[in-house]
C-alpha cells in the first residue's frame, strides 16, 4: 500500500503556482455554435472574441459555426441549444450553453479562473 504524505501549505502553494504556469502556456481550441446571424448570435460572438483577446491572446483558435449552414457539425457535437461554446482543447471537453455575456461564468467554464466558494 502506498504511503500517503501530507502536503504542507508551502507545497500546496507551489503546486498551485506550477498549475497556473502550465495553464498559462496551453493553447485553447474553442468552437462557438450559433443559430443564424441574429443579434443574439452577434452578441455571443463579440463576447467570446473579447474574452479570447483579453485572457487567451495568441493562444486561442476560435471557430464560429452556424448550425443552420452546417447542421451535420452540430449533430455530431450533439448541440441542442445555441449559442453553445465548446472547449475542445485542453482536455477535458467543456460545454457552455446560453448567455455568453457573463464573463465570470465563461472564465470558470473554460477553467481560466477558479470557482469562487
PDB file of N, CA and C in Angstrom:
ATOM      1  N   UNK A   1       0.841  -1.167   0.000  1.00  0.00           N
ATOM      2  CA  UNK A   1       0.000   0.000   0.000  1.00  0.00           C
ATOM      3  C   UNK A   1       0.890   1.236   0.000  1.00  0.00           C
ATOM      4  N   UNK A   2       0.534   2.186  -0.841  1.00  0.00           N
ATOM      5  CA  UNK A   2       1.325   3.406  -0.960  1.00  0.00           C
ATOM      6  C   UNK A   2       1.172   4.260   0.289  1.00  0.00           C
ATOM      7  N   UNK A   3       2.273   4.840   0.689  1.00  0.00           N
ATOM      8  CA  UNK A   3       2.268   5.699   1.860  1.00  0.00           C
ATOM      9  C   UNK A   3       1.758   7.074   1.464  1.00  0.00           C
ATOM     10  N   UNK A   4       0.837   7.569   2.236  1.00  0.00           N
ATOM     11  CA  UNK A   4       0.250   8.866   1.947  1.00  0.00           C
ATOM     12  C   UNK A   4       1.013   9.957   2.697  1.00  0.00           C
ATOM     13  N   UNK A   5       1.395  10.979   1.974  1.00  0.00           N
ATOM     14  CA  UNK A   5       2.136  12.068   2.604  1.00  0.00           C
ATOM     15  C   UNK A   5       1.242  13.286   2.743  1.00  0.00           C
ATOM     16  N   UNK A   6       1.533  14.063   3.754  1.00  0.00           N
ATOM     17  CA  UNK A   6       0.771  15.292   3.965  1.00  0.00           C
ATOM     18  C   UNK A   6       1.406  16.413   3.157  1.00  0.00           C
ATOM     19  N   UNK A   7       0.551  17.250   2.601  1.00  0.00           N
ATOM     20  CA  UNK A   7       1.042  18.411   1.877  1.00  0.00           C
ATOM     21  C   UNK A   7       0.947  19.621   2.792  1.00  0.00           C
ATOM     22  N   UNK A   8       2.060  20.239   2.975  1.00  0.00           N
ATOM     23  CA  UNK A   8       2.073  21.446   3.783  1.00  0.00           C
ATOM     24  C   UNK A   8       1.597  22.630   2.963  1.00  0.00           C
ATOM     25  N   UNK A   9       1.341  23.765   3.600  1.00  0.00           N
ATOM     26  CA  UNK A   9       0.845  24.929   2.873  1.00  0.00           C
ATOM     27  C   UNK A   9       1.830  25.436   1.819  1.00  0.00           C
ATOM     28  N   UNK A  10       3.123  25.313   2.073  1.00  0.00           N
ATOM     29  CA  UNK A  10       4.111  25.765   1.090  1.00  0.00           C
ATOM     30  C   UNK A  10       4.100  24.873  -0.140  1.00  0.00           C
ATOM     31  N   UNK A  11       4.008  23.575   0.071  1.00  0.00           N
ATOM     32  CA  UNK A  11       3.992  22.644  -1.066  1.00  0.00           C
ATOM     33  C   UNK A  11       2.710  22.818  -1.872  1.00  0.00           C
ATOM     34  N   UNK A  12       1.589  22.994  -1.193  1.00  0.00           N
ATOM     35  CA  UNK A  12       0.324  23.193  -1.895  1.00  0.00           C
ATOM     36  C   UNK A  12       0.367  24.478  -2.711  1.00  0.00           C
ATOM     37  N   UNK A  13       0.942  25.535  -2.167  1.00  0.00           N
ATOM     38  CA  UNK A  13       1.053  26.807  -2.888  1.00  0.00           C
ATOM     39  C   UNK A  13       1.952  26.658  -4.108  1.00  0.00           C
ATOM     40  N   UNK A  14       3.045  25.894  -3.953  1.00  0.00           N
ATOM     41  CA  UNK A  14       3.965  25.685  -5.070  1.00  0.00           C
ATOM     42  C   UNK A  14       3.279  24.871  -6.182  1.00  0.00           C
ATOM     43  N   UNK A  15       2.498  23.848  -5.807  1.00  0.00           N
ATOM     44  CA  UNK A  15       1.767  23.053  -6.800  1.00  0.00           C
ATOM     45  C   UNK A  15       0.747  23.915  -7.533  1.00  0.00           C
ATOM     46  N   UNK A  16       0.070  24.796  -6.806  1.00  0.00           N
ATOM     47  CA  UNK A  16      -0.894  25.693  -7.419  1.00  0.00           C
ATOM     48  C   UNK A  16      -0.199  26.648  -8.391  1.00  0.00           C
ATOM     49  N   UNK A  17       0.946  27.144  -8.006  1.00  0.00           N
ATOM     50  CA  UNK A  17       1.714  28.049  -8.862  1.00  0.00           C
ATOM     51  C   UNK A  17       2.159  27.339 -10.141  1.00  0.00           C
ATOM     52  N   UNK A  18       2.613  26.096 -10.026  1.00  0.00           N
ATOM     53  CA  UNK A  18       3.020  25.330 -11.203  1.00  0.00           C
ATOM     54  C   UNK A  18       1.833  25.056 -12.118  1.00  0.00           C
ATOM     55  N   UNK A  19       0.673  24.756 -11.536  1.00  0.00           N
ATOM     56  CA  UNK A  19      -0.528  24.514 -12.333  1.00  0.00           C
ATOM     57  C   UNK A  19      -0.938  25.774 -13.084  1.00  0.00           C
ATOM     58  N   UNK A  20      -0.831  26.941 -12.441  1.00  0.00           N
ATOM     59  CA  UNK A  20      -1.160  28.207 -13.094  1.00  0.00           C
ATOM     60  C   UNK A  20      -0.207  28.493 -14.260  1.00  0.00           C
ATOM     61  N   UNK A  21       1.084  28.221 -14.071  1.00  0.00           N
ATOM     62  CA  UNK A  21       2.056  28.439 -15.143  1.00  0.00           C
ATOM     63  C   UNK A  21       1.778  27.519 -16.330  1.00  0.00           C
ATOM     64  N   UNK A  22       1.428  26.265 -16.039  1.00  0.00           N
ATOM     65  CA  UNK A  22       1.117  25.315 -17.100  1.00  0.00           C
ATOM     66  C   UNK A  22      -0.124  25.769 -17.865  1.00  0.00           C
ATOM     67  N   UNK A  23      -1.129  26.227 -17.141  1.00  0.00           N
ATOM     68  CA  UNK A  23      -2.359  26.696 -17.757  1.00  0.00           C
ATOM     69  C   UNK A  23      -2.094  27.916 -18.632  1.00  0.00           C
ATOM     70  N   UNK A  24      -1.169  28.765 -18.222  1.00  0.00           N
ATOM     71  CA  UNK A  24      -0.853  29.979 -18.966  1.00  0.00           C
ATOM     72  C   UNK A  24      -0.172  29.681 -20.303  1.00  0.00           C
ATOM     73  N   UNK A  25       0.405  28.494 -20.469  1.00  0.00           N
ATOM     74  CA  UNK A  25       1.090  28.132 -21.709  1.00  0.00           C
ATOM     75  C   UNK A  25       0.214  27.322 -22.655  1.00  0.00           C
ATOM     76  N   UNK A  26      -0.930  26.820 -22.193  1.00  0.00           N
ATOM     77  CA  UNK A  26      -1.747  25.932 -23.005  1.00  0.00           C
ATOM     78  C   UNK A  26      -2.474  26.684 -24.113  1.00  0.00           C
ATOM     79  N   UNK A  27      -2.578  26.027 -25.265  1.00  0.00           N
ATOM     80  CA  UNK A  27      -3.370  26.562 -26.364  1.00  0.00           C
ATOM     81  C   UNK A  27      -4.792  26.041 -26.245  1.00  0.00           C
ATOM     82  N   UNK A  28      -5.738  26.884 -26.592  1.00  0.00           N
ATOM     83  CA  UNK A  28      -7.152  26.539 -26.492  1.00  0.00           C
ATOM     84  C   UNK A  28      -7.757  26.439 -27.879  1.00  0.00           C
ATOM     85  N   UNK A  29      -8.583  25.421 -28.077  1.00  0.00           N
ATOM     86  CA  UNK A  29      -9.369  25.263 -29.289  1.00  0.00           C
ATOM     87  C   UNK A  29     -10.829  25.363 -28.861  1.00  0.00           C
ATOM     88  N   UNK A  30     -11.505  26.403 -29.346  1.00  0.00           N
ATOM     89  CA  UNK A  30     -12.890  26.659 -28.968  1.00  0.00           C
ATOM     90  C   UNK A  30     -13.769  26.649 -30.208  1.00  0.00           C
ATOM     91  N   UNK A  31     -14.978  26.129 -30.050  1.00  0.00           N
ATOM     92  CA  UNK A  31     -15.981  26.177 -31.116  1.00  0.00           C
ATOM     93  C   UNK A  31     -17.229  26.834 -30.546  1.00  0.00           C
ATOM     94  N   UNK A  32     -17.693  27.859 -31.237  1.00  0.00           N
ATOM     95  CA  UNK A  32     -18.903  28.554 -30.841  1.00  0.00           C
ATOM     96  C   UNK A  32     -19.979  28.244 -31.866  1.00  0.00           C
ATOM     97  N   UNK A  33     -21.035  27.586 -31.421  1.00  0.00           N
ATOM     98  CA  UNK A  33     -22.162  27.243 -32.283  1.00  0.00           C
ATOM     99  C   UNK A  33     -23.250  28.284 -32.084  1.00  0.00           C
ATOM    100  N   UNK A  34     -23.685  28.895 -33.193  1.00  0.00           N
ATOM    101  CA  UNK A  34     -24.737  29.900 -33.155  1.00  0.00           C
ATOM    102  C   UNK A  34     -25.835  29.496 -34.129  1.00  0.00           C
ATOM    103  N   UNK A  35     -27.026  30.076 -33.932  1.00  0.00           N
ATOM    104  CA  UNK A  35     -28.179  29.776 -34.790  1.00  0.00           C
ATOM    105  C   UNK A  35     -28.453  30.973 -35.684  1.00  0.00           C
ATOM    106  N   UNK A  36     -27.845  31.005 -36.859  1.00  0.00           N
ATOM    107  CA  UNK A  36     -28.053  32.107 -37.786  1.00  0.00           C
ATOM    108  C   UNK A  36     -27.305  33.355 -37.353  1.00  0.00           C
ATOM    109  N   UNK A  37     -27.390  34.380 -38.166  1.00  0.00           N
ATOM    110  CA  UNK A  37     -26.739  35.651 -37.844  1.00  0.00           C
ATOM    111  C   UNK A  37     -27.764  36.603 -37.247  1.00  0.00           C
ATOM    112  N   UNK A  38     -28.186  36.303 -36.043  1.00  0.00           N
ATOM    113  CA  UNK A  38     -29.153  37.108 -35.317  1.00  0.00           C
ATOM    114  C   UNK A  38     -28.414  38.055 -34.380  1.00  0.00           C
ATOM    115  N   UNK A  39     -29.100  39.041 -33.810  1.00  0.00           N
ATOM    116  CA  UNK A  39     -28.438  39.911 -32.831  1.00  0.00           C
ATOM    117  C   UNK A  39     -27.867  39.138 -31.648  1.00  0.00           C
ATOM    118  N   UNK A  40     -28.556  38.098 -31.208  1.00  0.00           N
ATOM    119  CA  UNK A  40     -28.052  37.281 -30.093  1.00  0.00           C
ATOM    120  C   UNK A  40     -26.780  36.548 -30.497  1.00  0.00           C
ATOM    121  N   UNK A  41     -26.733  36.047 -31.710  1.00  0.00           N
ATOM    122  CA  UNK A  41     -25.526  35.379 -32.205  1.00  0.00           C
ATOM    123  C   UNK A  41     -24.369  36.358 -32.312  1.00  0.00           C
ATOM    124  N   UNK A  42     -24.645  37.546 -32.855  1.00  0.00           N
ATOM    125  CA  UNK A  42     -23.601  38.576 -32.965  1.00  0.00           C
ATOM    126  C   UNK A  42     -23.055  38.938 -31.587  1.00  0.00           C
ATOM    127  N   UNK A  43     -23.942  39.057 -30.608  1.00  0.00           N
ATOM    128  CA  UNK A  43     -23.522  39.391 -29.247  1.00  0.00           C
ATOM    129  C   UNK A  43     -22.648  38.286 -28.663  1.00  0.00           C
ATOM    130  N   UNK A  44     -23.042  37.021 -28.857  1.00  0.00           N
ATOM    131  CA  UNK A  44     -22.261  35.896 -28.346  1.00  0.00           C
ATOM    132  C   UNK A  44     -20.870  35.873 -28.982  1.00  0.00           C
ATOM    133  N   UNK A  45     -20.806  36.076 -30.294  1.00  0.00           N
ATOM    134  CA  UNK A  45     -19.522  36.084 -30.999  1.00  0.00           C
ATOM    135  C   UNK A  45     -18.635  37.207 -30.466  1.00  0.00           C
ATOM    136  N   UNK A  46     -19.219  38.383 -30.302  1.00  0.00           N
ATOM    137  CA  UNK A  46     -18.465  39.537 -29.814  1.00  0.00           C
ATOM    138  C   UNK A  46     -17.906  39.290 -28.411  1.00  0.00           C
ATOM    139  N   UNK A  47     -18.728  38.711 -27.512  1.00  0.00           N
ATOM    140  CA  UNK A  47     -18.280  38.467 -26.141  1.00  0.00           C
ATOM    141  C   UNK A  47     -17.185  37.398 -26.072  1.00  0.00           C
ATOM    142  N   UNK A  48     -17.336  36.334 -26.839  1.00  0.00           N
ATOM    143  CA  UNK A  48     -16.333  35.267 -26.816  1.00  0.00           C
ATOM    144  C   UNK A  48     -15.021  35.753 -27.434  1.00  0.00           C
ATOM    145  N   UNK A  49     -15.093  36.523 -28.517  1.00  0.00           N
ATOM    146  CA  UNK A  49     -13.871  37.066 -29.112  1.00  0.00           C
ATOM    147  C   UNK A  49     -13.164  38.015 -28.145  1.00  0.00           C
ATOM    148  N   UNK A  50     -13.933  38.820 -27.432  1.00  0.00           N
ATOM    149  CA  UNK A  50     -13.345  39.741 -26.455  1.00  0.00           C
ATOM    150  C   UNK A  50     -12.665  38.964 -25.329  1.00  0.00           C
ATOM    151  N   UNK A  51     -13.288  37.895 -24.874  1.00  0.00           N
ATOM    152  CA  UNK A  51     -12.693  37.060 -23.825  1.00  0.00           C
ATOM    153  C   UNK A  51     -11.396  36.434 -24.325  1.00  0.00           C
ATOM    154  N   UNK A  52     -11.403  35.936 -25.554  1.00  0.00           N
ATOM    155  CA  UNK A  52     -10.189  35.336 -26.125  1.00  0.00           C
ATOM    156  C   UNK A  52      -9.071  36.366 -26.235  1.00  0.00           C
ATOM    157  N   UNK A  53      -9.397  37.570 -26.692  1.00  0.00           N
ATOM    158  CA  UNK A  53      -8.378  38.621 -26.824  1.00  0.00           C
ATOM    159  C   UNK A  53      -7.823  39.030 -25.468  1.00  0.00           C
ATOM    160  N   UNK A  54      -8.684  39.097 -24.470  1.00  0.00           N
ATOM    161  CA  UNK A  54      -8.278  39.572 -23.151  1.00  0.00           C
ATOM    162  C   UNK A  54      -7.507  38.526 -22.345  1.00  0.00           C
ATOM    163  N   UNK A  55      -7.981  37.275 -22.361  1.00  0.00           N
ATOM    164  CA  UNK A  55      -7.417  36.251 -21.484  1.00  0.00           C
ATOM    165  C   UNK A  55      -6.591  35.183 -22.194  1.00  0.00           C
ATOM    166  N   UNK A  56      -6.752  35.041 -23.502  1.00  0.00           N
ATOM    167  CA  UNK A  56      -6.059  33.976 -24.234  1.00  0.00           C
ATOM    168  C   UNK A  56      -5.324  34.525 -25.457  1.00  0.00           C
ATOM    169  N   UNK A  57      -4.826  35.730 -25.362  1.00  0.00           N
ATOM    170  CA  UNK A  57      -4.226  36.360 -26.533  1.00  0.00           C
ATOM    171  C   UNK A  57      -3.108  35.502 -27.116  1.00  0.00           C
ATOM    172  N   UNK A  58      -3.274  35.146 -28.378  1.00  0.00           N
ATOM    173  CA  UNK A  58      -2.273  34.353 -29.081  1.00  0.00           C
ATOM    174  C   UNK A  58      -2.307  32.872 -28.762  1.00  0.00           C
ATOM    175  N   UNK A  59      -3.204  32.443 -27.887  1.00  0.00           N
ATOM    176  CA  UNK A  59      -3.257  31.021 -27.505  1.00  0.00           C
ATOM    177  C   UNK A  59      -4.627  30.404 -27.777  1.00  0.00           C
ATOM    178  N   UNK A  60      -5.405  31.029 -28.655  1.00  0.00           N
ATOM    179  CA  UNK A  60      -6.777  30.578 -28.848  1.00  0.00           C
ATOM    180  C   UNK A  60      -7.102  30.438 -30.324  1.00  0.00           C
ATOM    181  N   UNK A  61      -7.707  29.304 -30.684  1.00  0.00           N
ATOM    182  CA  UNK A  61      -8.230  29.080 -32.023  1.00  0.00           C
ATOM    183  C   UNK A  61      -9.749  28.998 -31.876  1.00  0.00           C
ATOM    184  N   UNK A  62     -10.445  30.053 -32.295  1.00  0.00           N
ATOM    185  CA  UNK A  62     -11.901  30.116 -32.178  1.00  0.00           C
ATOM    186  C   UNK A  62     -12.537  29.877 -33.533  1.00  0.00           C
ATOM    187  N   UNK A  63     -13.437  28.902 -33.570  1.00  0.00           N
ATOM    188  CA  UNK A  63     -14.193  28.612 -34.782  1.00  0.00           C
ATOM    189  C   UNK A  63     -15.653  28.927 -34.498  1.00  0.00           C
ATOM    190  N   UNK A  64     -16.276  29.735 -35.349  1.00  0.00           N
ATOM    191  CA  UNK A  64     -17.690  30.062 -35.211  1.00  0.00           C
ATOM    192  C   UNK A  64     -18.449  29.258 -36.262  1.00  0.00           C
ATOM    193  N   UNK A  65     -19.438  28.490 -35.805  1.00  0.00           N
ATOM    194  CA  UNK A  65     -20.171  27.590 -36.687  1.00  0.00           C
ATOM    195  C   UNK A  65     -21.654  27.909 -36.593  1.00  0.00           C
ATOM    196  N   UNK A  66     -22.266  28.180 -37.740  1.00  0.00           N
ATOM    197  CA  UNK A  66     -23.706  28.428 -37.816  1.00  0.00           C
ATOM    198  C   UNK A  66     -24.397  27.078 -38.004  1.00  0.00           C
ATOM    199  N   UNK A  67     -25.238  26.712 -37.045  1.00  0.00           N
ATOM    200  CA  UNK A  67     -25.863  25.384 -37.100  1.00  0.00           C
ATOM    201  C   UNK A  67     -26.872  25.268 -38.239  1.00  0.00           C
ATOM    202  N   UNK A  68     -27.333  26.390 -38.787  1.00  0.00           N
ATOM    203  CA  UNK A  68     -28.224  26.332 -39.941  1.00  0.00           C
ATOM    204  C   UNK A  68     -27.445  26.037 -41.220  1.00  0.00           C
ATOM    205  N   UNK A  69     -26.225  26.528 -41.312  1.00  0.00           N
ATOM    206  CA  UNK A  69     -25.411  26.303 -42.505  1.00  0.00           C
ATOM    207  C   UNK A  69     -24.658  24.975 -42.446  1.00  0.00           C
ATOM    208  N   UNK A  70     -24.334  24.505 -41.247  1.00  0.00           N
ATOM    209  CA  UNK A  70     -23.591  23.251 -41.090  1.00  0.00           C
ATOM    210  C   UNK A  70     -24.267  22.358 -40.037  1.00  0.00           C
ATOM    211  N   UNK A  71     -25.447  21.846 -40.348  1.00  0.00           N
ATOM    212  CA  UNK A  71     -26.184  21.047 -39.357  1.00  0.00           C
ATOM    213  C   UNK A  71     -25.498  19.732 -38.996  1.00  0.00           C
ATOM    214  N   UNK A  72     -24.689  19.180 -39.890  1.00  0.00           N
ATOM    215  CA  UNK A  72     -24.028  17.912 -39.571  1.00  0.00           C
ATOM    216  C   UNK A  72     -22.995  18.088 -38.453  1.00  0.00           C
ATOM    217  N   UNK A  73     -22.299  19.241 -38.446  1.00  0.00           N
ATOM    218  CA  UNK A  73     -21.346  19.502 -37.362  1.00  0.00           C
ATOM    219  C   UNK A  73     -22.073  19.629 -36.028  1.00  0.00           C
ATOM    220  N   UNK A  74     -23.201  20.311 -36.055  1.00  0.00           N
ATOM    221  CA  UNK A  74     -23.977  20.489 -34.829  1.00  0.00           C
ATOM    222  C   UNK A  74     -24.513  19.144 -34.334  1.00  0.00           C
ATOM    223  N   UNK A  75     -24.948  18.313 -35.240  1.00  0.00           N
ATOM    224  CA  UNK A  75     -25.464  17.000 -34.853  1.00  0.00           C
ATOM    225  C   UNK A  75     -24.351  16.132 -34.287  1.00  0.00           C
ATOM    226  N   UNK A  76     -23.177  16.197 -34.897  1.00  0.00           N
ATOM    227  CA  UNK A  76     -22.039  15.414 -34.424  1.00  0.00           C
ATOM    228  C   UNK A  76     -21.587  15.811 -33.030  1.00  0.00           C
ATOM    229  N   UNK A  77     -21.742  17.074 -32.675  1.00  0.00           N
ATOM    230  CA  UNK A  77     -21.360  17.571 -31.349  1.00  0.00           C
ATOM    231  C   UNK A  77     -22.527  17.517 -30.367  1.00  0.00           C
ATOM    232  N   UNK A  78     -23.688  17.051 -30.836  1.00  0.00           N
ATOM    233  CA  UNK A  78     -24.901  16.952 -30.023  1.00  0.00           C
ATOM    234  C   UNK A  78     -25.303  18.308 -29.444  1.00  0.00           C
ATOM    235  N   UNK A  79     -25.339  19.305 -30.316  1.00  0.00           N
ATOM    236  CA  UNK A  79     -25.747  20.650 -29.930  1.00  0.00           C
ATOM    237  C   UNK A  79     -27.268  20.675 -29.854  1.00  0.00           C
ATOM    238  N   UNK A  80     -27.794  21.041 -28.683  1.00  0.00           N
ATOM    239  CA  UNK A  80     -29.248  21.082 -28.502  1.00  0.00           C
ATOM    240  C   UNK A  80     -29.760  22.505 -28.315  1.00  0.00           C
ATOM    241  N   UNK A  81     -28.863  23.454 -28.108  1.00  0.00           N
ATOM    242  CA  UNK A  81     -29.248  24.847 -27.921  1.00  0.00           C
ATOM    243  C   UNK A  81     -28.130  25.735 -28.449  1.00  0.00           C
ATOM    244  N   UNK A  82     -28.500  26.941 -28.815  1.00  0.00           N
ATOM    245  CA  UNK A  82     -27.491  27.884 -29.302  1.00  0.00           C
ATOM    246  C   UNK A  82     -27.721  29.219 -28.606  1.00  0.00           C
ATOM    247  N   UNK A  83     -26.700  29.942 -28.275  1.00  0.00           N
ATOM    248  CA  UNK A  83     -25.292  29.655 -28.534  1.00  0.00           C
ATOM    249  C   UNK A  83     -24.720  28.623 -27.561  1.00  0.00           C
ATOM    250  N   UNK A  84     -23.795  27.821 -28.061  1.00  0.00           N
ATOM    251  CA  UNK A  84     -23.063  26.846 -27.264  1.00  0.00           C
ATOM    252  C   UNK A  84     -21.573  27.000 -27.571  1.00  0.00           C
ATOM    253  N   UNK A  85     -20.787  27.113 -26.516  1.00  0.00           N
ATOM    254  CA  UNK A  85     -19.332  27.208 -26.649  1.00  0.00           C
ATOM    255  C   UNK A  85     -18.732  25.901 -26.164  1.00  0.00           C
ATOM    256  N   UNK A  86     -17.895  25.283 -26.995  1.00  0.00           N
ATOM    257  CA  UNK A  86     -17.242  24.028 -26.634  1.00  0.00           C
ATOM    258  C   UNK A  86     -15.739  24.251 -26.584  1.00  0.00           C
ATOM    259  N   UNK A  87     -15.147  23.840 -25.474  1.00  0.00           N
ATOM    260  CA  UNK A  87     -13.690  23.854 -25.358  1.00  0.00           C
ATOM    261  C   UNK A  87     -13.213  22.459 -25.758  1.00  0.00           C
ATOM    262  N   UNK A  88     -12.613  22.363 -26.945  1.00  0.00           N
ATOM    263  CA  UNK A  88     -12.106  21.082 -27.433  1.00  0.00           C
ATOM    264  C   UNK A  88     -10.765  20.744 -26.794  1.00  0.00           C
ATOM    265  N   UNK A  89      -9.894  21.742 -26.706  1.00  0.00           N
ATOM    266  CA  UNK A  89      -8.592  21.582 -26.068  1.00  0.00           C
ATOM    267  C   UNK A  89      -8.343  22.760 -25.162  1.00  0.00           C
ATOM    268  N   UNK A  90      -7.696  22.627 -24.068  1.00  0.00           N
ATOM    269  CA  UNK A  90      -7.170  21.401 -23.488  1.00  0.00           C
ATOM    270  C   UNK A  90      -8.288  20.533 -22.926  1.00  0.00           C
ATOM    271  N   UNK A  91      -8.007  19.257 -22.898  1.00  0.00           N
ATOM    272  CA  UNK A  91      -8.967  18.306 -22.360  1.00  0.00           C
ATOM    273  C   UNK A  91      -9.118  18.523 -20.864  1.00  0.00           C
ATOM    274  N   UNK A  92     -10.207  18.221 -20.248  1.00  0.00           N
ATOM    275  CA  UNK A  92     -11.406  17.577 -20.767  1.00  0.00           C
ATOM    276  C   UNK A  92     -12.287  18.568 -21.518  1.00  0.00           C
ATOM    277  N   UNK A  93     -13.084  18.023 -22.428  1.00  0.00           N
ATOM    278  CA  UNK A  93     -14.011  18.805 -23.210  1.00  0.00           C
ATOM    279  C   UNK A  93     -15.008  19.492 -22.273  1.00  0.00           C
ATOM    280  N   UNK A  94     -15.328  20.749 -22.550  1.00  0.00           N
ATOM    281  CA  UNK A  94     -16.297  21.504 -21.742  1.00  0.00           C
ATOM    282  C   UNK A  94     -17.310  22.151 -22.668  1.00  0.00           C
ATOM    283  N   UNK A  95     -18.588  22.210 -22.233  1.00  0.00           N
ATOM    284  CA  UNK A  95     -19.636  22.889 -22.982  1.00  0.00           C
ATOM    285  C   UNK A  95     -20.256  23.965 -22.102  1.00  0.00           C
ATOM    286  N   UNK A  96     -20.426  25.133 -22.693  1.00  0.00           N
ATOM    287  CA  UNK A  96     -21.100  26.240 -22.026  1.00  0.00           C
ATOM    288  C   UNK A  96     -22.257  26.637 -22.923  1.00  0.00           C
ATOM    289  N   UNK A  97     -23.454  26.581 -22.374  1.00  0.00           N
ATOM    290  CA  UNK A  97     -24.661  26.826 -23.156  1.00  0.00           C
ATOM    291  C   UNK A  97     -25.352  28.081 -22.638  1.00  0.00           C
ATOM    292  N   UNK A  98     -25.786  28.927 -23.558  1.00  0.00           N
ATOM    293  CA  UNK A  98     -26.597  30.079 -23.161  1.00  0.00           C
ATOM    294  C   UNK A  98     -25.876  31.397 -23.298  1.00  0.00           C
ATOM    295  N   UNK A  99     -26.138  32.274 -22.345  1.00  0.00           N
ATOM    296  CA  UNK A  99     -25.675  33.653 -22.385  1.00  0.00           C
ATOM    297  C   UNK A  99     -24.154  33.724 -22.307  1.00  0.00           C
ATOM    298  N   UNK A 100     -23.531  34.287 -23.331  1.00  0.00           N
ATOM    299  CA  UNK A 100     -22.075  34.420 -23.366  1.00  0.00           C
ATOM    300  C   UNK A 100     -21.618  35.775 -22.833  1.00  0.00           C
ATOM    301  N   UNK A 101     -22.547  36.574 -22.324  1.00  0.00           N
ATOM    302  CA  UNK A 101     -22.204  37.901 -21.824  1.00  0.00           C
ATOM    303  C   UNK A 101     -21.643  37.858 -20.414  1.00  0.00           C
ATOM    304  N   UNK A 102     -21.811  36.751 -19.700  1.00  0.00           N
ATOM    305  CA  UNK A 102     -21.349  36.648 -18.320  1.00  0.00           C
ATOM    306  C   UNK A 102     -19.905  36.163 -18.301  1.00  0.00           C
ATOM    307  N   UNK A 103     -18.977  37.108 -18.275  1.00  0.00           N
ATOM    308  CA  UNK A 103     -17.551  36.793 -18.386  1.00  0.00           C
ATOM    309  C   UNK A 103     -17.081  35.859 -17.278  1.00  0.00           C
ATOM    310  N   UNK A 104     -17.536  36.067 -16.058  1.00  0.00           N
ATOM    311  CA  UNK A 104     -17.105  35.222 -14.935  1.00  0.00           C
ATOM    312  C   UNK A 104     -17.495  33.763 -15.166  1.00  0.00           C
ATOM    313  N   UNK A 105     -18.719  33.525 -15.670  1.00  0.00           N
ATOM    314  CA  UNK A 105     -19.153  32.159 -15.955  1.00  0.00           C
ATOM    315  C   UNK A 105     -18.315  31.535 -17.066  1.00  0.00           C
ATOM    316  N   UNK A 106     -17.973  32.323 -18.081  1.00  0.00           N
ATOM    317  CA  UNK A 106     -17.136  31.813 -19.160  1.00  0.00           C
ATOM    318  C   UNK A 106     -15.746  31.453 -18.645  1.00  0.00           C
ATOM    319  N   UNK A 107     -15.165  32.307 -17.821  1.00  0.00           N
ATOM    320  CA  UNK A 107     -13.827  32.044 -17.292  1.00  0.00           C
ATOM    321  C   UNK A 107     -13.807  30.786 -16.440  1.00  0.00           C
ATOM    322  N   UNK A 108     -14.814  30.607 -15.607  1.00  0.00           N
ATOM    323  CA  UNK A 108     -14.891  29.403 -14.771  1.00  0.00           C
ATOM    324  C   UNK A 108     -15.146  28.179 -15.651  1.00  0.00           C
ATOM    325  N   UNK A 109     -16.043  28.304 -16.616  1.00  0.00           N
ATOM    326  CA  UNK A 109     -16.361  27.189 -17.507  1.00  0.00           C
ATOM    327  C   UNK A 109     -15.189  26.741 -18.357  1.00  0.00           C
ATOM    328  N   UNK A 110     -14.319  27.675 -18.712  1.00  0.00           N
ATOM    329  CA  UNK A 110     -13.136  27.342 -19.508  1.00  0.00           C
ATOM    330  C   UNK A 110     -11.923  27.015 -18.648  1.00  0.00           C
ATOM    331  N   UNK A 111     -12.115  26.976 -17.349  1.00  0.00           N
ATOM    332  CA  UNK A 111     -11.037  26.714 -16.383  1.00  0.00           C
ATOM    333  C   UNK A 111      -9.931  27.764 -16.447  1.00  0.00           C
ATOM    334  N   UNK A 112     -10.298  28.996 -16.715  1.00  0.00           N
ATOM    335  CA  UNK A 112      -9.326  30.085 -16.697  1.00  0.00           C
ATOM    336  C   UNK A 112      -9.301  30.769 -15.336  1.00  0.00           C
ATOM    337  N   UNK A 113     -10.307  30.502 -14.542  1.00  0.00           N
ATOM    338  CA  UNK A 113     -10.401  31.071 -13.206  1.00  0.00           C
ATOM    339  C   UNK A 113     -11.075  30.028 -12.313  1.00  0.00           C
ATOM    340  N   UNK A 114     -10.606  29.961 -11.072  1.00  0.00           N
ATOM    341  CA  UNK A 114     -11.179  29.006 -10.128  1.00  0.00           C
ATOM    342  C   UNK A 114     -12.571  29.471  -9.712  1.00  0.00           C
ATOM    343  N   UNK A 115     -13.416  28.492  -9.444  1.00  0.00           N
ATOM    344  CA  UNK A 115     -14.772  28.772  -8.985  1.00  0.00           C
ATOM    345  C   UNK A 115     -14.717  29.333  -7.574  1.00  0.00           C
ATOM    346  N   UNK A 116     -15.436  30.422  -7.342  1.00  0.00           N
ATOM    347  CA  UNK A 116     -15.460  31.020  -6.015  1.00  0.00           C
ATOM    348  C   UNK A 116     -16.437  30.264  -5.131  1.00  0.00           C
ATOM    349  N   UNK A 117     -16.045  30.040  -3.857  1.00  0.00           N
ATOM    350  CA  UNK A 117     -16.937  29.277  -2.959  1.00  0.00           C
ATOM    351  C   UNK A 117     -18.195  30.031  -2.604  1.00  0.00           C
TER     352      UNK A 117
END
